[in-house]
Protein backbone atom coordinates (compact mmCIF):
# COMPACT_ATOMS: atom_id res chain seq x y z
CA MET A 1 119.87 197.21 84.33
CA VAL A 2 122.66 199.09 82.24
CA PRO A 3 122.45 202.75 83.43
CA PRO A 4 122.05 205.15 80.25
CA GLY A 5 125.51 205.51 78.55
CA GLY A 6 126.57 202.40 79.59
CA TYR A 7 129.54 201.90 81.82
CA GLY A 8 131.62 204.30 79.57
CA SER A 9 133.33 201.19 78.09
CA GLY A 10 131.07 201.26 75.08
CA SER A 11 128.61 198.50 74.09
CA LEU A 12 129.78 194.45 73.92
CA THR A 13 130.51 193.87 69.91
CA PRO A 14 128.08 191.03 68.24
CA TRP A 15 130.37 188.26 69.17
CA ARG A 16 128.62 185.40 67.90
CA SER A 17 130.05 185.61 64.14
CA LEU A 18 133.05 186.12 65.40
CA THR A 19 136.63 183.35 65.74
CA ARG A 20 135.96 180.39 67.73
CA SER A 21 138.16 177.55 68.25
CA ILE A 22 136.79 174.31 70.05
CA SER A 23 138.54 170.96 70.60
CA PRO A 24 136.66 168.13 69.37
CA ALA A 25 134.73 165.89 71.40
CA ALA A 26 137.64 163.00 71.27
CA GLN A 27 140.25 165.44 72.63
CA ILE A 28 137.93 166.69 75.17
CA GLN A 29 137.56 163.32 76.44
CA ASP A 30 140.96 162.61 77.00
CA VAL A 31 141.63 165.53 78.42
CA VAL A 32 139.24 164.63 81.09
CA GLU A 33 140.57 161.29 81.32
CA ALA A 34 144.30 162.25 81.63
CA ASP A 35 142.99 164.56 83.82
CA GLY A 36 144.70 168.00 82.16
CA LEU A 37 143.02 171.08 81.86
CA PHE A 38 139.92 172.89 80.53
CA LEU A 39 140.39 176.46 78.81
CA PHE A 40 137.64 178.55 78.51
CA GLY A 41 138.31 182.26 76.84
CA ASP A 42 137.93 184.93 74.80
CA SER A 43 140.21 186.08 71.58
CA ILE A 44 143.17 186.34 74.02
CA ALA A 45 142.88 182.84 74.43
CA VAL A 46 141.89 182.37 70.63
CA GLN A 47 145.49 183.66 69.34
CA ASP A 48 147.28 182.36 72.29
CA GLU A 49 146.02 178.35 73.33
CA ASP A 50 148.73 176.81 70.71
CA ALA A 51 151.73 178.25 72.46
CA LEU A 52 150.23 177.56 75.82
CA ALA A 53 149.36 173.78 74.96
CA PHE A 54 152.65 173.64 73.74
CA ASP A 55 154.37 175.13 77.08
CA LEU A 56 152.26 173.37 79.29
CA TRP A 57 152.89 170.06 77.82
CA ARG A 58 156.56 170.77 77.73
CA ARG A 59 156.70 172.22 81.12
CA THR A 60 153.90 170.09 83.17
CA SER A 61 153.00 167.11 80.91
CA THR A 62 149.30 168.82 80.77
CA THR A 63 146.69 167.91 77.76
CA LEU A 64 144.72 171.07 77.15
CA ALA A 65 141.16 170.93 75.66
CA VAL A 66 139.81 174.59 74.30
CA ASP A 67 136.66 176.63 73.90
CA ALA A 68 137.77 180.08 72.84
CA TRP A 69 135.29 182.41 71.30
CA ALA A 70 136.41 186.33 70.52
CA GLY A 71 134.37 189.07 71.90
CA ARG A 72 132.46 186.33 74.09
CA PRO A 73 131.62 187.93 77.90
CA THR A 74 132.02 185.58 80.58
CA GLY A 75 128.42 183.93 81.09
CA PRO A 76 128.36 182.20 78.06
CA ALA A 77 131.94 180.89 78.55
CA VAL A 78 130.34 179.26 81.73
CA ASP A 79 127.46 177.85 80.00
CA VAL A 80 130.00 175.84 78.19
CA LEU A 81 131.66 174.91 81.35
CA ALA A 82 128.28 173.41 82.42
CA ARG A 83 127.64 171.44 79.12
CA TRP A 84 130.79 169.89 79.19
CA ALA A 85 130.49 169.01 82.69
CA LYS A 86 127.34 167.31 81.87
CA THR A 87 128.56 166.00 78.99
CA TYR A 88 132.09 164.78 79.72
CA GLY A 89 132.94 165.48 83.29
CA LEU A 90 135.66 167.46 84.35
CA PRO A 91 139.50 167.36 84.88
CA HIS A 92 140.34 168.69 88.57
CA ARG A 93 141.74 171.74 86.82
CA ILE A 94 140.19 174.73 85.37
CA LEU A 95 141.33 177.78 83.60
CA MET A 96 139.35 180.69 82.73
CA ALA A 97 140.72 183.40 80.84
CA THR A 98 137.83 185.47 80.27
CA GLY A 99 136.39 188.71 81.77
CA THR A 100 137.77 191.38 79.26
CA ASN A 101 134.63 191.67 77.75
CA ASP A 102 133.02 191.99 80.70
CA VAL A 103 133.99 195.70 81.31
CA PHE A 104 131.29 196.60 79.10
CA THR A 105 128.75 195.38 82.10
CA PRO A 106 130.87 194.80 84.89
CA PRO A 107 128.12 194.08 87.40
CA LEU A 108 127.20 190.75 85.76
CA PHE A 109 130.38 189.78 86.27
CA GLY A 110 130.62 188.35 89.92
CA GLY A 111 127.40 186.15 89.38
CA GLN A 112 129.67 184.43 86.77
CA ILE A 113 133.05 183.93 89.41
CA ASP A 114 130.09 182.11 91.91
CA ARG A 115 128.84 179.69 88.86
CA VAL A 116 131.64 178.54 88.11
CA MET A 117 133.12 178.20 91.60
CA ARG A 118 129.51 175.92 92.18
CA LEU A 119 130.51 173.79 89.01
CA ALA A 120 134.03 172.93 89.84
CA GLY A 121 133.01 172.37 93.37
CA PRO A 122 135.72 172.49 96.56
CA SER A 123 138.07 170.16 95.43
CA ARG A 124 139.06 171.32 91.67
CA ALA A 125 141.26 174.42 91.20
CA VAL A 126 140.14 176.94 89.44
CA TYR A 127 143.01 179.23 87.71
CA TRP A 128 141.83 182.62 86.40
CA VAL A 129 143.23 185.18 84.60
CA ASN A 130 142.76 189.02 85.40
CA VAL A 131 142.08 191.62 82.81
CA HIS A 132 143.95 194.65 81.60
CA VAL A 133 141.65 196.93 79.32
CA GLY A 134 143.20 199.92 77.92
CA ARG A 135 142.51 200.65 74.51
CA PHE A 136 145.09 202.41 73.06
CA LYS A 137 143.30 203.99 69.70
CA ASP A 138 140.02 204.93 71.24
CA SER A 139 139.44 208.75 73.28
CA THR A 140 140.59 209.57 76.80
CA ALA A 141 137.26 209.38 77.93
CA ILE A 142 136.89 205.49 76.79
CA GLN A 143 140.31 204.64 78.02
CA THR A 144 139.76 206.11 81.32
CA ALA A 145 136.65 203.72 81.37
CA ASP A 146 138.05 200.69 80.32
CA GLN A 147 140.57 200.99 83.44
CA ARG A 148 137.82 201.64 85.77
CA ASN A 149 136.07 198.92 84.79
CA THR A 150 139.13 196.61 84.72
CA LYS A 151 139.46 197.54 88.24
CA TRP A 152 136.13 196.15 88.76
CA ILE A 153 136.22 193.15 86.95
CA ASN A 154 139.66 192.36 89.39
CA LEU A 155 138.36 193.52 92.64
CA GLN A 156 135.25 191.08 91.66
CA LEU A 157 137.84 188.48 91.23
CA ASP A 158 139.79 189.37 94.73
CA THR A 159 136.92 189.50 96.61
CA ALA A 160 135.57 185.90 95.62
CA ARG A 161 139.47 184.52 96.25
CA LYS A 162 137.99 185.38 100.07
CA ARG A 163 135.32 182.68 99.39
CA TYR A 164 137.03 180.48 97.46
CA PRO A 165 140.14 178.83 98.46
CA ASN A 166 140.37 176.88 95.41
CA LEU A 167 140.42 180.18 93.03
CA VAL A 168 143.76 180.90 91.78
CA ILE A 169 144.18 184.32 90.53
CA ILE A 170 146.70 184.62 87.82
CA ARG A 171 148.10 188.45 87.81
CA TRP A 172 148.56 189.53 84.15
CA ALA A 173 146.85 193.10 85.46
CA GLU A 174 149.49 193.17 88.07
CA PHE A 175 152.57 192.23 85.82
CA LEU A 176 151.44 195.34 84.03
CA ALA A 177 150.97 197.22 85.80
CA ALA A 178 154.63 196.99 86.90
CA ARG A 179 156.01 197.76 83.79
CA PRO A 180 153.85 200.83 82.95
CA ASP A 181 156.63 202.13 80.06
CA GLN A 182 156.68 198.72 78.43
CA VAL A 183 152.60 197.79 77.94
CA ARG A 184 152.68 198.71 74.24
CA THR A 185 155.63 195.77 74.24
CA TYR A 186 153.25 193.24 75.98
CA LEU A 187 150.25 194.39 74.13
CA ARG A 188 149.27 195.33 70.65
CA ASP A 189 146.16 197.30 71.40
CA GLY A 190 145.66 197.40 74.99
CA VAL A 191 143.86 194.26 75.31
CA HIS A 192 145.62 191.57 73.16
CA THR A 193 149.44 190.19 73.51
CA THR A 194 152.03 190.80 71.29
CA ILE A 195 153.59 188.21 69.65
CA PRO A 196 155.93 186.67 70.74
CA VAL A 197 156.69 189.10 73.75
CA GLY A 198 153.28 189.51 75.45
CA GLN A 199 152.14 186.09 74.94
CA ASP A 200 155.34 184.55 75.45
CA ALA A 201 155.05 186.49 79.20
CA ARG A 202 151.13 185.96 79.88
CA ASN A 203 151.18 181.97 79.14
CA ALA A 204 154.47 181.82 81.12
CA LEU A 205 152.38 183.27 84.20
CA ILE A 206 149.82 180.62 83.63
CA VAL A 207 152.00 177.46 83.33
CA ASP A 208 153.97 178.88 86.18
CA ALA A 209 151.10 178.89 88.41
CA ILE A 210 149.59 175.48 87.09
CA ALA A 211 153.49 174.09 87.64
CA SER A 212 153.68 175.04 90.96
CA ALA A 213 150.52 173.80 92.35
């Protein structure tokens, strides 16, 4: 139940008409057979996935299949993961680049982490990019709520990590927090990465985590 006025970050944008990037069925099947990587994401992934796929292949020879949808919260992304698991099976690595749009209803996020981990099972590695939301153009009140709700989302990931040893958190929020004077170098609006600097930095964190496994 969302309290009156929500959680301070505003309302989720109707997202089903926004941009989506989805790999064709043949590519998904090839990634499963090659034991590559599935990526489920939001608008940041829509923007950054091509560069990520290139970097993954260049550094680790890992193939990538993607379902990314701008504006989508985590729950519907997990629904796609469940369908892919049933239709294609799963590789041994799953990348969740979602959670940004859950700042509008943070209490729902923890249950979606549990769903992902149940679908993956204990033998698969789940990489999850934590989030940073602090929209530059919005009011001070909304920016404050964004920061509070970002911490709430990331805390739920950290708490889940204690229950699931195969959950690997990719710490994008901490990367930015360590560079407070450079956030606008990495983010064009307080959420989405700049190109190429922010995109390269975030993708490097992802590839480093996968390469070091």
